[in-house]
Amino acid sequence: MSFEKVNPCHPDKVADRIAGAIVDLAYSKNDNPKIAVEVLIGHGTCTVITETSETIAQSEVRAVVDRIAGDGLKLHYYPNQQDAHLADNQADHVRCGDNGIFKGCPVTDEQAKLSAIARDIYSHYPTDGKYILADGRLIICQSHAKASDLRQTYPTADINPLGDWTGGPDVDTGATNRKLGSDMADGVTGGGLHGKDLSKADVSVNIWCHQLAQETGKVVTASCAIGDETVNILVGGEPCRVPYADIVAIARDYIRSVGGFESFAAWGLV
């Protein structure tokens, strides 16, 4: 078994967090906004593209980017209206906002262990880091940290194999939804978790499948087409159909429980 986890300061997670914070902005303006956000960040620049039913000013996006990524980045912001046909699809019923395939899996002991290690290290070093647990081998790559200090807690780990490093968006680029393996472990999706409202099945059905997999201890698979009012579900191979409105309600409660879309983006589902 192998699993990779990155922390919230990895450039890809910085992009996810910015996207999530902008979705939070949309929800502060409307209980049911329609929004999709893409973020690319790195080397002194941040590009943000939105498709949304809500008006989000450049000053609001600027404040989000400065808070999460730091002051001084050159911002390229391209706001666009949500497609009218997609918005009309949701006008009178809660329908799937996109096509999708999904698989939620119970989190393994190894995956839970690595997630706990990542969170522990991040509590001491809130800077870019990535961690791998593969066939019993623990690899820790933590920026702004000395291997000798980390080895006191993790004496058998391979720590910073290339030596000390700084990391972050000045070293690497980050893009929305590029770390789904870190966010979902063995889960599978045809889309992405972050930067989208709850009408998008990529968000709500993935959350629902993951939660049900933890509750049942079984693999949960699902599929839907845009416009569907129910979702095809297999739980441990047993088929059923679930109203999409119920799935969205459960996902909404989950997002609220973790503190919003930005908080959700920081660590994902695992």
Protein backbone atom coordinates (compact mmCIF):
# COMPACT_ATOMS: atom_id res chain seq x y z
CA MET A 1 0.00 0.00 0.00
CA SER A 2 1.19 3.53 -0.72
CA PHE A 3 -0.24 6.98 -0.12
CA GLU A 4 0.97 10.56 -0.57
CA LYS A 5 -0.29 13.47 1.52
CA VAL A 6 0.50 17.17 1.06
CA ASN A 7 -0.15 19.94 3.55
CA PRO A 8 -2.14 23.17 3.07
CA CYS A 9 0.99 25.17 2.12
CA HIS A 10 1.85 22.99 -0.86
CA PRO A 11 1.36 25.19 -3.97
CA ASP A 12 -1.46 23.01 -5.29
CA LYS A 13 -3.26 23.26 -1.96
CA VAL A 14 -2.69 27.03 -1.89
CA ALA A 15 -4.53 27.12 -5.24
CA ASP A 16 -7.30 24.90 -3.83
CA ARG A 17 -7.64 27.10 -0.74
CA ILE A 18 -7.89 30.28 -2.81
CA ALA A 19 -10.56 28.65 -4.97
CA GLY A 20 -12.41 27.46 -1.87
CA ALA A 21 -12.29 30.91 -0.27
CA ILE A 22 -13.82 32.43 -3.41
CA VAL A 23 -16.61 29.84 -3.29
CA ASP A 24 -17.15 30.84 0.35
CA LEU A 25 -17.50 34.44 -0.87
CA ALA A 26 -20.22 33.36 -3.30
CA TYR A 27 -22.09 31.57 -0.51
CA SER A 28 -21.88 34.71 1.64
CA LYS A 29 -23.91 36.46 -1.09
CA ASN A 30 -26.38 33.69 -1.93
CA ASP A 31 -27.45 30.47 -0.18
CA ASN A 32 -27.31 28.60 -3.50
CA PRO A 33 -24.79 30.27 -5.81
CA LYS A 34 -23.52 28.76 -9.00
CA ILE A 35 -19.76 29.06 -9.24
CA ALA A 36 -16.67 27.36 -10.61
CA VAL A 37 -13.17 28.67 -9.92
CA GLU A 38 -9.81 27.79 -11.43
CA VAL A 39 -6.56 29.04 -9.90
CA LEU A 40 -2.98 28.84 -11.16
CA ILE A 41 -0.30 30.25 -8.89
CA GLY A 42 3.48 30.41 -8.95
CA HIS A 43 6.58 32.56 -9.32
CA GLY A 44 5.00 35.84 -8.28
CA THR A 45 1.73 35.56 -10.20
CA CYS A 46 -1.77 34.25 -9.51
CA THR A 47 -4.37 33.70 -12.22
CA VAL A 48 -8.01 33.29 -11.18
CA ILE A 49 -10.83 32.44 -13.60
CA THR A 50 -14.42 32.32 -12.33
CA GLU A 51 -17.76 31.37 -13.83
CA THR A 52 -20.37 32.51 -11.34
CA SER A 53 -23.89 33.76 -10.79
CA GLU A 54 -22.59 36.17 -8.14
CA THR A 55 -20.63 39.40 -8.52
CA ILE A 56 -17.23 39.00 -6.90
CA ALA A 57 -15.09 42.10 -7.10
CA GLN A 58 -11.40 42.07 -7.90
CA SER A 59 -10.76 43.68 -4.51
CA GLU A 60 -12.40 40.68 -2.81
CA VAL A 61 -10.28 38.24 -4.80
CA ARG A 62 -7.19 40.36 -4.11
CA ALA A 63 -7.87 40.14 -0.36
CA VAL A 64 -8.22 36.33 -0.55
CA VAL A 65 -4.99 35.89 -2.52
CA ASP A 66 -3.03 38.20 -0.20
CA ARG A 67 -4.31 36.43 2.90
CA ILE A 68 -3.62 32.89 1.71
CA ALA A 69 -0.60 33.28 -0.57
CA GLY A 70 0.99 36.47 0.76
CA ASP A 71 1.17 40.08 -0.42
CA GLY A 72 2.79 41.21 -3.62
CA LEU A 73 1.63 38.62 -6.18
CA LYS A 74 0.58 39.92 -9.56
CA LEU A 75 -3.11 39.05 -9.87
CA HIS A 76 -4.80 38.19 -13.16
CA TYR A 77 -8.54 37.93 -12.47
CA TYR A 78 -11.03 36.92 -15.19
CA PRO A 79 -14.65 36.91 -13.94
CA ASN A 80 -17.31 35.40 -16.16
CA GLN A 81 -21.06 34.81 -15.88
CA GLN A 82 -22.31 31.29 -15.19
CA ASP A 83 -23.61 29.73 -18.42
CA ALA A 84 -27.33 30.49 -18.66
CA HIS A 85 -28.27 26.99 -19.82
CA LEU A 86 -26.49 25.38 -16.86
CA ALA A 87 -28.08 27.85 -14.45
CA ASP A 88 -31.56 27.22 -15.88
CA ASN A 89 -31.05 23.49 -15.38
CA GLN A 90 -31.07 24.15 -11.62
CA ALA A 91 -33.83 26.78 -11.58
CA ASP A 92 -36.81 24.76 -10.33
CA HIS A 93 -35.33 21.48 -9.01
CA VAL A 94 -32.11 20.27 -7.41
CA ARG A 95 -30.50 18.51 -10.33
CA CYS A 96 -26.97 17.25 -10.93
CA GLY A 97 -24.91 20.15 -12.23
CA ASP A 98 -22.58 17.94 -14.24
CA ASN A 99 -21.87 14.40 -15.42
CA GLY A 100 -19.73 12.23 -13.19
CA ILE A 101 -18.39 8.90 -11.97
CA PHE A 102 -17.35 8.48 -8.35
CA LYS A 103 -15.90 5.95 -5.93
CA GLY A 104 -15.61 6.36 -2.19
CA CYS A 105 -13.38 3.98 -0.24
CA PRO A 106 -12.87 3.28 3.46
CA VAL A 107 -9.70 5.00 4.67
CA THR A 108 -7.01 2.43 5.50
CA ASP A 109 -4.96 2.40 8.68
CA GLU A 110 -1.89 3.48 6.67
CA GLN A 111 -3.74 6.40 5.11
CA ALA A 112 -5.08 7.55 8.47
CA LYS A 113 -1.60 7.24 9.96
CA LEU A 114 0.03 9.36 7.24
CA SER A 115 -2.69 12.00 7.47
CA ALA A 116 -2.08 12.25 11.20
CA ILE A 117 1.68 12.58 10.62
CA ALA A 118 1.10 15.34 8.04
CA ARG A 119 -1.11 17.28 10.42
CA ASP A 120 1.33 16.86 13.30
CA ILE A 121 4.29 18.12 11.26
CA TYR A 122 2.23 21.01 9.87
CA SER A 123 1.33 22.12 13.41
CA HIS A 124 5.07 22.72 13.96
CA TYR A 125 6.08 23.71 10.40
CA PRO A 126 3.23 25.55 8.62
CA THR A 127 5.15 25.62 5.33
CA ASP A 128 5.16 23.56 2.13
CA GLY A 129 5.42 19.83 2.82
CA LYS A 130 4.66 16.44 1.29
CA TYR A 131 4.75 13.00 2.85
CA ILE A 132 4.67 9.43 1.52
CA LEU A 133 4.04 6.11 3.23
CA ALA A 134 4.84 3.24 0.87
CA ASP A 135 5.34 -0.38 1.91
CA GLY A 136 6.27 0.69 5.41
CA ARG A 137 8.73 3.38 4.26
CA LEU A 138 7.97 6.89 5.53
CA ILE A 139 9.31 9.76 3.41
CA ILE A 140 9.07 13.29 4.78
CA CYS A 141 9.80 16.32 2.58
CA GLN A 142 9.28 19.38 4.75
CA SER A 143 10.42 22.85 3.78
CA HIS A 144 12.02 25.22 6.29
CA ALA A 145 12.89 22.29 8.57
CA LYS A 146 16.13 20.57 9.46
CA ALA A 147 16.23 16.81 9.07
CA SER A 148 17.96 16.48 12.42
CA ASP A 149 15.02 18.15 14.16
CA LEU A 150 12.38 16.01 12.43
CA ARG A 151 14.38 12.86 13.06
CA GLN A 152 13.88 13.28 16.81
CA THR A 153 10.20 12.48 16.28
CA TYR A 154 10.51 10.24 13.22
CA PRO A 155 13.86 8.46 13.66
CA THR A 156 13.34 5.83 10.91
CA ALA A 157 11.95 8.15 8.23
CA ASP A 158 13.73 9.33 5.09
CA ILE A 159 13.73 13.09 5.63
CA ASN A 160 14.46 15.75 2.99
CA PRO A 161 16.49 13.39 0.74
CA LEU A 162 17.95 16.33 -1.25
CA GLY A 163 18.67 18.41 1.83
CA ASP A 164 17.07 21.55 3.20
CA TRP A 165 14.63 23.38 0.87
CA THR A 166 12.31 26.36 0.88
CA GLY A 167 9.33 25.23 -1.21
CA GLY A 168 6.14 27.16 -1.85
CA PRO A 169 4.90 28.98 -4.96
CA ASP A 170 8.29 30.62 -5.52
CA VAL A 171 9.74 27.16 -6.20
CA ASP A 172 6.80 25.34 -7.80
CA THR A 173 3.48 26.17 -9.44
CA GLY A 174 0.11 25.24 -8.01
CA ALA A 175 -3.17 24.47 -9.75
CA THR A 176 -6.68 23.72 -8.56
CA ASN A 177 -7.56 20.02 -8.10
CA ARG A 178 -4.08 18.72 -8.89
CA LYS A 179 -3.74 16.81 -5.61
CA LEU A 180 -6.86 14.64 -5.65
CA GLY A 181 -4.86 11.58 -4.64
CA SER A 182 -3.86 13.37 -1.45
CA ASP A 183 -7.46 14.52 -0.90
CA MET A 184 -9.26 11.23 -1.62
CA ALA A 185 -6.76 8.38 -1.06
CA ASP A 186 -8.25 5.40 -2.95
CA GLY A 187 -11.34 7.35 -3.98
CA VAL A 188 -11.91 8.04 -7.67
CA THR A 189 -13.64 10.93 -9.41
CA GLY A 190 -14.08 12.11 -12.96
CA GLY A 191 -13.89 15.72 -11.82
CA GLY A 192 -12.46 17.76 -8.97
CA LEU A 193 -13.43 18.50 -5.38
CA HIS A 194 -12.50 22.14 -5.10
CA GLY A 195 -13.57 25.52 -6.44
CA LYS A 196 -17.19 24.56 -7.11
CA ASP A 197 -20.59 25.00 -5.51
CA LEU A 198 -22.69 22.15 -4.11
CA SER A 199 -24.83 21.82 -7.22
CA LYS A 200 -21.77 20.30 -8.89
CA ALA A 201 -21.80 16.52 -8.44
CA ASP A 202 -17.99 16.56 -8.33
CA VAL A 203 -18.32 18.15 -4.90
CA SER A 204 -21.49 16.74 -3.38
CA VAL A 205 -21.44 13.15 -4.65
CA ASN A 206 -17.75 12.72 -3.82
CA ILE A 207 -18.37 13.90 -0.25
CA TRP A 208 -21.42 11.66 0.07
CA CYS A 209 -19.66 8.56 -1.30
CA HIS A 210 -16.68 9.11 0.98
CA GLN A 211 -18.83 9.51 4.08
CA LEU A 212 -20.95 6.46 3.26
CA ALA A 213 -17.81 4.38 2.67
CA GLN A 214 -16.57 5.28 6.15
CA GLU A 215 -19.95 4.47 7.71
CA THR A 216 -20.42 1.11 5.97
CA GLY A 217 -16.82 -0.01 5.57
CA LYS A 218 -17.66 -0.79 1.93
CA VAL A 219 -16.65 0.67 -1.42
CA VAL A 220 -19.33 3.03 -2.72
CA THR A 221 -19.61 3.86 -6.42
CA ALA A 222 -21.93 6.33 -8.12
CA SER A 223 -22.70 7.82 -11.51
CA CYS A 224 -24.94 10.55 -12.85
CA ALA A 225 -25.69 12.65 -15.91
CA ILE A 226 -26.18 16.39 -15.92
CA GLY A 227 -29.80 17.16 -15.10
CA ASP A 228 -30.43 13.95 -13.13
CA GLU A 229 -32.59 14.28 -10.02
CA THR A 230 -31.37 10.94 -8.66
CA VAL A 231 -27.93 9.33 -8.57
CA ASN A 232 -27.12 5.69 -9.32
CA ILE A 233 -25.35 4.17 -6.31
CA LEU A 234 -23.67 0.82 -5.61
CA VAL A 235 -22.81 0.06 -1.99
CA GLY A 236 -20.77 -3.11 -1.73
CA GLY A 237 -22.21 -4.10 -5.10
CA GLU A 238 -25.85 -3.50 -4.11
CA PRO A 239 -27.62 -0.98 -6.39
CA CYS A 240 -29.93 1.84 -5.36
CA ARG A 241 -30.94 5.35 -6.40
CA VAL A 242 -30.64 8.36 -4.10
CA PRO A 243 -32.29 11.77 -4.61
CA TYR A 244 -29.65 14.32 -5.52
CA ALA A 245 -31.31 16.86 -3.21
CA ASP A 246 -30.59 14.56 -0.25
CA ILE A 247 -26.95 14.21 -1.31
CA VAL A 248 -26.55 17.99 -1.60
CA ALA A 249 -28.07 18.49 1.86
CA ILE A 250 -25.62 16.02 3.41
CA ALA A 251 -22.68 17.62 1.59
CA ARG A 252 -23.80 21.08 2.75
CA ASP A 253 -23.82 19.89 6.38
CA TYR A 254 -20.35 18.42 5.90
CA ILE A 255 -18.91 21.64 4.44
CA ARG A 256 -20.41 23.60 7.34
CA SER A 257 -18.98 21.13 9.84
CA VAL A 258 -15.41 21.64 8.58
CA GLY A 259 -15.70 25.42 8.44
CA GLY A 260 -16.42 26.12 4.79
CA PHE A 261 -14.96 25.43 1.37
CA GLU A 262 -11.58 26.99 2.11
CA SER A 263 -11.14 24.77 5.19
CA PHE A 264 -12.30 21.75 3.18
CA ALA A 265 -9.70 22.53 0.51
CA ALA A 266 -6.86 22.58 3.05
CA TRP A 267 -6.87 18.82 3.67
CA GLY A 268 -9.58 17.28 1.48
CA LEU A 269 -11.48 14.20 2.61
CA VAL A 270 -8.64 12.23 4.21
